[in-house]
N, C-alpha and C. Protein backbone atom coordinates (compact mmCIF):
# COMPACT_ATOMS: atom_id res chain seq x y z
N UNK A 1 -19.23 61.33 32.21
CA UNK A 1 -18.95 59.97 31.86
C UNK A 1 -20.08 59.39 31.02
N UNK A 2 -19.75 58.74 29.93
CA UNK A 2 -20.81 58.16 29.08
C UNK A 2 -21.47 56.98 29.79
N UNK A 3 -22.66 56.69 29.33
CA UNK A 3 -23.44 55.64 30.00
C UNK A 3 -23.07 54.24 29.51
N UNK A 4 -22.63 54.12 28.28
CA UNK A 4 -22.26 52.77 27.82
C UNK A 4 -20.75 52.59 27.96
N UNK A 5 -20.30 51.37 27.86
CA UNK A 5 -18.93 50.99 28.15
C UNK A 5 -18.01 51.08 26.94
N UNK A 6 -18.46 51.56 25.81
CA UNK A 6 -17.66 51.53 24.60
C UNK A 6 -16.64 52.64 24.53
N UNK A 7 -16.89 53.80 25.12
CA UNK A 7 -15.97 54.93 25.03
C UNK A 7 -14.93 54.91 26.14
N UNK A 8 -15.21 54.21 27.22
CA UNK A 8 -14.32 54.21 28.36
C UNK A 8 -13.71 52.82 28.49
N UNK A 9 -12.40 52.76 28.73
CA UNK A 9 -11.76 51.47 28.95
C UNK A 9 -12.09 51.08 30.37
N UNK A 10 -12.83 50.00 30.51
CA UNK A 10 -13.22 49.59 31.85
C UNK A 10 -13.73 48.17 31.84
N UNK A 11 -13.88 47.66 33.02
CA UNK A 11 -14.39 46.31 33.18
C UNK A 11 -15.63 46.39 34.04
N UNK A 12 -16.67 45.74 33.59
CA UNK A 12 -17.93 45.78 34.32
C UNK A 12 -18.28 44.37 34.77
N UNK A 13 -18.52 44.18 36.00
CA UNK A 13 -18.87 42.88 36.54
C UNK A 13 -20.39 42.74 36.48
N UNK A 14 -20.92 41.62 35.95
CA UNK A 14 -22.37 41.51 35.76
C UNK A 14 -23.18 41.53 37.04
N UNK A 15 -22.63 41.06 38.15
CA UNK A 15 -23.43 41.02 39.38
C UNK A 15 -23.43 42.36 40.10
N UNK A 16 -22.53 43.23 39.74
CA UNK A 16 -22.47 44.55 40.35
C UNK A 16 -22.75 45.60 39.29
N UNK A 17 -23.43 46.59 39.65
CA UNK A 17 -23.77 47.65 38.71
C UNK A 17 -22.72 48.76 38.76
N UNK A 18 -21.53 48.44 39.17
CA UNK A 18 -20.49 49.41 39.37
C UNK A 18 -19.55 49.38 38.16
N UNK A 19 -19.07 50.52 37.76
CA UNK A 19 -18.18 50.61 36.62
C UNK A 19 -16.78 50.96 37.14
N UNK A 20 -15.76 50.20 36.65
CA UNK A 20 -14.39 50.45 37.07
C UNK A 20 -13.66 51.04 35.87
N UNK A 21 -13.02 52.12 36.07
CA UNK A 21 -12.28 52.77 35.00
C UNK A 21 -10.80 52.48 35.21
N UNK A 22 -10.16 51.99 34.13
CA UNK A 22 -8.75 51.64 34.18
C UNK A 22 -7.99 52.37 33.08
N UNK A 23 -6.75 52.63 33.35
CA UNK A 23 -5.91 53.18 32.28
C UNK A 23 -5.52 52.03 31.37
N UNK A 24 -4.97 52.37 30.25
CA UNK A 24 -4.59 51.34 29.28
C UNK A 24 -3.50 50.44 29.87
N UNK A 25 -2.55 50.98 30.57
CA UNK A 25 -1.47 50.20 31.19
C UNK A 25 -2.03 49.27 32.25
N UNK A 26 -2.95 49.76 33.05
CA UNK A 26 -3.56 48.91 34.09
C UNK A 26 -4.36 47.77 33.47
N UNK A 27 -5.04 48.09 32.37
CA UNK A 27 -5.82 47.06 31.68
C UNK A 27 -4.90 45.99 31.11
N UNK A 28 -3.78 46.41 30.51
CA UNK A 28 -2.83 45.43 29.95
C UNK A 28 -2.25 44.56 31.06
N UNK A 29 -1.94 45.14 32.21
CA UNK A 29 -1.43 44.35 33.33
C UNK A 29 -2.48 43.37 33.82
N UNK A 30 -3.73 43.80 33.87
CA UNK A 30 -4.81 42.93 34.30
C UNK A 30 -4.99 41.76 33.33
N UNK A 31 -4.93 42.07 32.04
CA UNK A 31 -5.06 41.01 31.01
C UNK A 31 -3.88 40.06 31.11
N UNK A 32 -2.67 40.60 31.28
CA UNK A 32 -1.48 39.78 31.39
C UNK A 32 -1.58 38.84 32.59
N UNK A 33 -2.02 39.36 33.71
CA UNK A 33 -2.19 38.53 34.90
C UNK A 33 -3.27 37.47 34.69
N UNK A 34 -4.33 37.83 33.97
CA UNK A 34 -5.41 36.88 33.69
C UNK A 34 -4.91 35.76 32.79
N UNK A 35 -4.11 36.14 31.80
CA UNK A 35 -3.59 35.12 30.88
C UNK A 35 -2.70 34.14 31.64
N UNK A 36 -1.87 34.64 32.55
CA UNK A 36 -1.01 33.76 33.33
C UNK A 36 -1.83 32.82 34.20
N UNK A 37 -2.96 33.27 34.69
CA UNK A 37 -3.79 32.43 35.55
C UNK A 37 -4.58 31.41 34.74
N UNK A 38 -4.88 31.71 33.46
CA UNK A 38 -5.73 30.85 32.64
C UNK A 38 -4.95 29.69 32.04
N UNK A 39 -3.63 29.77 32.01
CA UNK A 39 -2.82 28.71 31.43
C UNK A 39 -3.11 27.42 32.18
N UNK A 40 -3.49 26.40 31.43
CA UNK A 40 -3.80 25.11 32.03
C UNK A 40 -2.91 24.04 31.42
N UNK A 41 -2.78 22.97 32.11
CA UNK A 41 -2.01 21.84 31.63
C UNK A 41 -2.99 20.77 31.16
N UNK A 42 -2.79 20.34 29.94
CA UNK A 42 -3.62 19.28 29.39
C UNK A 42 -2.75 18.04 29.22
N UNK A 43 -3.17 16.97 29.84
CA UNK A 43 -2.46 15.71 29.71
C UNK A 43 -3.33 14.80 28.86
N UNK A 44 -2.74 14.33 27.80
CA UNK A 44 -3.48 13.47 26.88
C UNK A 44 -2.86 12.09 26.91
N UNK A 45 -3.68 11.09 27.00
CA UNK A 45 -3.21 9.71 27.04
C UNK A 45 -3.78 8.98 25.84
N UNK A 46 -2.88 8.43 25.04
CA UNK A 46 -3.31 7.66 23.89
C UNK A 46 -2.77 6.26 24.03
N UNK A 47 -3.59 5.31 23.68
CA UNK A 47 -3.18 3.92 23.69
C UNK A 47 -3.56 3.30 22.36
N UNK A 48 -2.70 2.44 21.92
CA UNK A 48 -3.02 1.70 20.70
C UNK A 48 -2.82 0.23 21.04
N UNK A 49 -3.80 -0.54 20.73
CA UNK A 49 -3.75 -1.96 21.06
C UNK A 49 -4.16 -2.75 19.84
N UNK A 50 -3.38 -3.74 19.53
CA UNK A 50 -3.70 -4.60 18.40
C UNK A 50 -3.37 -6.02 18.80
N UNK A 51 -4.26 -6.89 18.55
CA UNK A 51 -4.02 -8.28 18.89
C UNK A 51 -5.25 -9.12 18.66
N UNK A 52 -5.10 -10.40 18.89
CA UNK A 52 -6.23 -11.30 18.64
C UNK A 52 -7.31 -11.24 19.71
N UNK A 53 -7.01 -10.63 20.84
CA UNK A 53 -8.01 -10.49 21.91
C UNK A 53 -8.24 -9.01 22.18
N UNK A 54 -9.37 -8.66 22.79
CA UNK A 54 -9.63 -7.24 23.09
C UNK A 54 -8.64 -6.66 24.09
N UNK A 55 -8.61 -5.36 24.15
CA UNK A 55 -7.75 -4.63 25.10
C UNK A 55 -8.08 -5.09 26.52
N UNK A 56 -7.07 -5.14 27.40
CA UNK A 56 -7.33 -5.61 28.77
C UNK A 56 -8.43 -4.83 29.50
N UNK A 57 -8.52 -3.51 29.25
CA UNK A 57 -9.61 -2.75 29.88
C UNK A 57 -10.97 -3.22 29.36
N UNK A 58 -11.03 -3.51 28.07
CA UNK A 58 -12.29 -4.01 27.49
C UNK A 58 -12.62 -5.39 28.02
N UNK A 59 -11.57 -6.20 28.26
CA UNK A 59 -11.81 -7.55 28.80
C UNK A 59 -12.48 -7.46 30.17
N UNK A 60 -12.08 -6.45 30.96
CA UNK A 60 -12.72 -6.28 32.27
C UNK A 60 -14.20 -5.93 32.12
N UNK A 61 -14.50 -5.11 31.12
CA UNK A 61 -15.91 -4.76 30.86
C UNK A 61 -16.67 -6.00 30.42
N UNK A 62 -16.07 -6.80 29.53
CA UNK A 62 -16.72 -8.03 29.09
C UNK A 62 -16.92 -8.99 30.26
N UNK A 63 -15.94 -9.02 31.17
CA UNK A 63 -16.07 -9.90 32.34
C UNK A 63 -17.24 -9.47 33.21
N UNK A 64 -17.52 -8.17 33.22
CA UNK A 64 -18.68 -7.68 33.97
C UNK A 64 -19.98 -8.13 33.33
N UNK A 65 -19.99 -8.31 32.02
CA UNK A 65 -21.19 -8.76 31.32
C UNK A 65 -21.40 -10.26 31.52
N UNK A 66 -20.32 -11.02 31.26
CA UNK A 66 -20.37 -12.47 31.41
C UNK A 66 -18.99 -12.92 31.85
N UNK A 67 -18.90 -13.60 32.96
CA UNK A 67 -17.60 -13.97 33.53
C UNK A 67 -16.79 -14.91 32.63
N UNK A 68 -17.45 -15.61 31.72
CA UNK A 68 -16.73 -16.56 30.86
C UNK A 68 -16.22 -15.92 29.56
N UNK A 69 -16.63 -14.70 29.27
CA UNK A 69 -16.24 -14.08 28.00
C UNK A 69 -14.73 -13.93 27.82
N UNK A 70 -13.96 -13.43 28.80
CA UNK A 70 -12.52 -13.33 28.57
C UNK A 70 -11.86 -14.68 28.25
N UNK A 71 -12.27 -15.73 28.96
CA UNK A 71 -11.72 -17.05 28.69
C UNK A 71 -12.12 -17.53 27.29
N UNK A 72 -13.35 -17.26 26.90
CA UNK A 72 -13.80 -17.66 25.57
C UNK A 72 -13.05 -16.90 24.47
N UNK A 73 -12.79 -15.60 24.69
CA UNK A 73 -12.02 -14.82 23.72
C UNK A 73 -10.60 -15.40 23.57
N UNK A 74 -9.99 -15.73 24.72
CA UNK A 74 -8.63 -16.27 24.69
C UNK A 74 -8.60 -17.62 23.98
N UNK A 75 -9.56 -18.48 24.27
CA UNK A 75 -9.63 -19.78 23.62
C UNK A 75 -9.84 -19.62 22.12
N UNK A 76 -10.71 -18.71 21.74
CA UNK A 76 -10.96 -18.45 20.31
C UNK A 76 -9.67 -17.98 19.62
N UNK A 77 -8.92 -17.08 20.27
CA UNK A 77 -7.69 -16.56 19.68
C UNK A 77 -6.65 -17.67 19.54
N UNK A 78 -6.55 -18.54 20.55
CA UNK A 78 -5.60 -19.65 20.48
C UNK A 78 -5.95 -20.61 19.35
N UNK A 79 -7.23 -20.92 19.18
CA UNK A 79 -7.64 -21.81 18.09
C UNK A 79 -7.37 -21.17 16.74
N UNK A 80 -7.62 -19.88 16.64
CA UNK A 80 -7.38 -19.17 15.38
C UNK A 80 -5.89 -19.18 15.03
N UNK A 81 -5.05 -18.94 16.03
CA UNK A 81 -3.61 -18.95 15.79
C UNK A 81 -3.13 -20.35 15.39
N UNK A 82 -3.66 -21.37 16.04
CA UNK A 82 -3.30 -22.74 15.71
C UNK A 82 -3.70 -23.07 14.27
N UNK A 83 -4.88 -22.63 13.87
CA UNK A 83 -5.36 -22.85 12.51
C UNK A 83 -4.46 -22.13 11.50
N UNK A 84 -4.09 -20.88 11.80
CA UNK A 84 -3.22 -20.13 10.88
C UNK A 84 -1.86 -20.83 10.72
N UNK A 85 -1.32 -21.35 11.82
CA UNK A 85 -0.03 -22.05 11.74
C UNK A 85 -0.17 -23.33 10.91
N UNK A 86 -1.28 -24.03 11.03
CA UNK A 86 -1.51 -25.24 10.23
C UNK A 86 -1.58 -24.88 8.75
N UNK A 87 -2.29 -23.81 8.42
CA UNK A 87 -2.41 -23.39 7.02
C UNK A 87 -1.05 -22.99 6.46
N UNK A 88 -0.27 -22.23 7.23
CA UNK A 88 1.06 -21.82 6.76
C UNK A 88 1.96 -23.03 6.54
N UNK A 89 1.88 -24.00 7.43
CA UNK A 89 2.68 -25.22 7.27
C UNK A 89 2.27 -25.97 6.01
N UNK A 90 0.97 -26.06 5.76
CA UNK A 90 0.48 -26.74 4.55
C UNK A 90 0.95 -26.01 3.30
N UNK A 91 0.96 -24.69 3.33
CA UNK A 91 1.42 -23.92 2.16
C UNK A 91 2.90 -24.17 1.91
N UNK A 92 3.70 -24.15 2.97
CA UNK A 92 5.15 -24.37 2.81
C UNK A 92 5.42 -25.77 2.28
N UNK A 93 4.76 -26.77 2.86
CA UNK A 93 4.96 -28.14 2.38
C UNK A 93 4.49 -28.31 0.94
N UNK A 94 3.39 -27.65 0.58
CA UNK A 94 2.90 -27.72 -0.79
C UNK A 94 3.88 -27.09 -1.78
N UNK A 95 4.44 -25.94 -1.41
CA UNK A 95 5.42 -25.30 -2.28
C UNK A 95 6.68 -26.16 -2.41
N UNK A 96 7.09 -26.78 -1.31
CA UNK A 96 8.25 -27.66 -1.35
C UNK A 96 7.99 -28.85 -2.26
N UNK A 97 6.81 -29.47 -2.11
CA UNK A 97 6.45 -30.60 -2.97
C UNK A 97 6.39 -30.22 -4.44
N UNK A 98 5.80 -29.06 -4.74
CA UNK A 98 5.74 -28.63 -6.13
C UNK A 98 7.12 -28.31 -6.68
N UNK A 99 7.99 -27.77 -5.82
CA UNK A 99 9.36 -27.49 -6.26
C UNK A 99 10.10 -28.77 -6.63
N UNK A 100 9.96 -29.78 -5.77
CA UNK A 100 10.62 -31.06 -6.05
C UNK A 100 10.01 -31.70 -7.29
N UNK A 101 8.71 -31.66 -7.38
CA UNK A 101 8.04 -32.25 -8.54
C UNK A 101 8.41 -31.49 -9.81
N UNK A 102 8.54 -30.18 -9.71
CA UNK A 102 8.91 -29.37 -10.87
C UNK A 102 10.31 -29.67 -11.37
N UNK A 103 11.19 -30.13 -10.50
CA UNK A 103 12.54 -30.48 -10.93
C UNK A 103 12.62 -31.97 -11.28
N UNK A 104 11.90 -32.79 -10.54
CA UNK A 104 11.97 -34.23 -10.74
C UNK A 104 11.33 -34.67 -12.05
N UNK A 105 10.22 -34.08 -12.43
CA UNK A 105 9.51 -34.50 -13.64
C UNK A 105 10.36 -34.32 -14.90
N UNK A 106 10.93 -33.13 -15.16
CA UNK A 106 11.73 -33.02 -16.38
C UNK A 106 13.02 -33.87 -16.30
N UNK A 107 13.55 -34.05 -15.11
CA UNK A 107 14.76 -34.86 -14.98
C UNK A 107 14.45 -36.31 -15.30
N UNK A 108 13.37 -36.83 -14.74
CA UNK A 108 12.98 -38.22 -15.01
C UNK A 108 12.64 -38.40 -16.49
N UNK A 109 11.93 -37.43 -17.05
CA UNK A 109 11.60 -37.50 -18.48
C UNK A 109 12.86 -37.49 -19.33
N UNK A 110 13.82 -36.66 -18.94
CA UNK A 110 15.07 -36.57 -19.71
C UNK A 110 15.83 -37.88 -19.64
N UNK A 111 15.90 -38.50 -18.45
CA UNK A 111 16.62 -39.78 -18.36
C UNK A 111 15.89 -40.88 -19.15
N UNK A 112 14.58 -40.83 -19.16
CA UNK A 112 13.82 -41.80 -19.96
C UNK A 112 14.12 -41.63 -21.44
N UNK A 113 14.14 -40.37 -21.89
CA UNK A 113 14.40 -40.10 -23.31
C UNK A 113 15.86 -40.43 -23.65
N UNK A 114 16.80 -40.18 -22.73
CA UNK A 114 18.20 -40.58 -22.98
C UNK A 114 18.31 -42.10 -23.11
N UNK A 115 17.57 -42.82 -22.28
CA UNK A 115 17.56 -44.29 -22.38
C UNK A 115 17.01 -44.72 -23.73
N UNK A 116 15.94 -44.03 -24.19
CA UNK A 116 15.38 -44.34 -25.51
C UNK A 116 16.39 -44.02 -26.60
N UNK A 117 17.17 -42.91 -26.45
CA UNK A 117 18.17 -42.54 -27.46
C UNK A 117 19.24 -43.62 -27.54
N UNK A 118 19.65 -44.15 -26.37
CA UNK A 118 20.64 -45.23 -26.38
C UNK A 118 20.07 -46.46 -27.08
N UNK A 119 18.80 -46.74 -26.86
CA UNK A 119 18.15 -47.86 -27.53
C UNK A 119 18.09 -47.64 -29.04
N UNK A 120 17.81 -46.39 -29.48
CA UNK A 120 17.77 -46.08 -30.92
C UNK A 120 19.15 -46.25 -31.54
N UNK A 121 20.19 -45.84 -30.84
CA UNK A 121 21.55 -45.98 -31.38
C UNK A 121 21.89 -47.46 -31.54
N UNK A 122 21.53 -48.28 -30.55
CA UNK A 122 21.84 -49.72 -30.63
C UNK A 122 21.04 -50.40 -31.74
N UNK A 123 19.87 -49.84 -32.10
CA UNK A 123 19.06 -50.40 -33.19
C UNK A 123 19.46 -49.83 -34.54
N UNK A 124 20.40 -48.87 -34.55
CA UNK A 124 20.86 -48.30 -35.81
C UNK A 124 20.00 -47.14 -36.30
N UNK A 125 19.18 -46.57 -35.47
CA UNK A 125 18.32 -45.44 -35.85
C UNK A 125 18.98 -44.15 -35.33
N UNK A 126 19.88 -43.58 -36.09
CA UNK A 126 20.66 -42.44 -35.63
C UNK A 126 19.85 -41.14 -35.59
N UNK A 127 18.94 -40.93 -36.52
CA UNK A 127 18.13 -39.71 -36.55
C UNK A 127 17.23 -39.66 -35.32
N UNK A 128 16.54 -40.78 -35.04
CA UNK A 128 15.67 -40.84 -33.88
C UNK A 128 16.46 -40.65 -32.59
N UNK A 129 17.65 -41.21 -32.55
CA UNK A 129 18.51 -41.06 -31.37
C UNK A 129 18.91 -39.60 -31.18
N UNK A 130 19.24 -38.88 -32.28
CA UNK A 130 19.62 -37.48 -32.20
C UNK A 130 18.45 -36.62 -31.71
N UNK A 131 17.26 -36.88 -32.26
CA UNK A 131 16.07 -36.13 -31.83
C UNK A 131 15.80 -36.39 -30.34
N UNK A 132 15.89 -37.64 -29.90
CA UNK A 132 15.66 -37.97 -28.50
C UNK A 132 16.70 -37.30 -27.62
N UNK A 133 17.95 -37.24 -28.07
CA UNK A 133 19.00 -36.59 -27.29
C UNK A 133 18.75 -35.09 -27.17
N UNK A 134 18.33 -34.44 -28.24
CA UNK A 134 18.04 -33.00 -28.21
C UNK A 134 16.86 -32.72 -27.28
N UNK A 135 15.82 -33.55 -27.34
CA UNK A 135 14.67 -33.36 -26.47
C UNK A 135 15.07 -33.53 -25.01
N UNK A 136 15.88 -34.52 -24.72
CA UNK A 136 16.31 -34.76 -23.33
C UNK A 136 17.14 -33.60 -22.81
N UNK A 137 18.10 -33.15 -23.59
CA UNK A 137 18.94 -32.03 -23.15
C UNK A 137 18.16 -30.73 -23.08
N UNK A 138 17.23 -30.53 -24.01
CA UNK A 138 16.38 -29.34 -23.98
C UNK A 138 15.49 -29.32 -22.76
N UNK A 139 14.98 -30.47 -22.39
CA UNK A 139 14.13 -30.58 -21.21
C UNK A 139 14.92 -30.26 -19.95
N UNK A 140 16.12 -30.81 -19.83
CA UNK A 140 16.97 -30.52 -18.66
C UNK A 140 17.38 -29.04 -18.63
N UNK A 141 17.76 -28.51 -19.78
CA UNK A 141 18.16 -27.09 -19.85
C UNK A 141 17.00 -26.17 -19.52
N UNK A 142 15.80 -26.49 -20.02
CA UNK A 142 14.62 -25.68 -19.73
C UNK A 142 14.27 -25.69 -18.25
N UNK A 143 14.35 -26.86 -17.63
CA UNK A 143 14.06 -26.97 -16.20
C UNK A 143 15.08 -26.17 -15.39
N UNK A 144 16.35 -26.26 -15.76
CA UNK A 144 17.38 -25.51 -15.05
C UNK A 144 17.17 -24.01 -15.21
N UNK A 145 16.82 -23.56 -16.43
CA UNK A 145 16.59 -22.13 -16.69
C UNK A 145 15.41 -21.61 -15.87
N UNK A 146 14.31 -22.34 -15.88
CA UNK A 146 13.11 -21.91 -15.16
C UNK A 146 13.38 -21.86 -13.65
N UNK A 147 14.12 -22.84 -13.13
CA UNK A 147 14.44 -22.85 -11.70
C UNK A 147 15.27 -21.62 -11.33
N UNK A 148 16.25 -21.27 -12.13
CA UNK A 148 17.10 -20.11 -11.84
C UNK A 148 16.34 -18.80 -12.05
N UNK A 149 15.46 -18.75 -13.03
CA UNK A 149 14.66 -17.55 -13.27
C UNK A 149 13.75 -17.26 -12.08
N UNK A 150 13.14 -18.30 -11.50
CA UNK A 150 12.28 -18.12 -10.33
C UNK A 150 13.08 -17.61 -9.13
N UNK A 151 14.30 -18.09 -8.97
CA UNK A 151 15.15 -17.61 -7.87
C UNK A 151 15.47 -16.14 -8.05
N UNK A 152 15.76 -15.71 -9.27
CA UNK A 152 16.07 -14.29 -9.54
C UNK A 152 14.87 -13.42 -9.25
N UNK A 153 13.67 -13.85 -9.63
CA UNK A 153 12.45 -13.06 -9.39
C UNK A 153 12.17 -12.94 -7.90
N UNK A 154 12.46 -13.95 -7.12
CA UNK A 154 12.20 -13.89 -5.67
C UNK A 154 13.19 -12.99 -4.97
N UNK A 155 14.42 -12.89 -5.46
CA UNK A 155 15.41 -12.04 -4.82
C UNK A 155 15.24 -10.57 -5.17
N UNK A 156 14.58 -10.27 -6.25
CA UNK A 156 14.41 -8.86 -6.68
C UNK A 156 13.27 -8.19 -6.00
């Protein structure tokens, strides 16, 4: 029998100086049994948390540092949410106001110019009345076109 383990199929235990000789079939059965015993179950837990306040587990850690921290985090989140809602409301009201102003200005200007055209006709100035009428209708048509164009861009 050779002295090293390379020529003989065998398993040597480090604490014992004894050499075990196995046939190839016995070795395969031993490996197969070892593989069955080595199979382990791994359980992985993943959590994803998103929000204005820290994860509840983290809140407990913060509470251990300072008992008022969780309450302060919650108060801060509530104030931040209130501020965001105020800003969104201001934006909506501003867009509404600009929309009304964007339609009201050319309409009021057109009615003013139509009134001037009627005044020009009564004074016998037909050319000035025609120019005023074209400007008034052009202003109304332009406002209507721009309003519809903006609606088409928002829907696309």
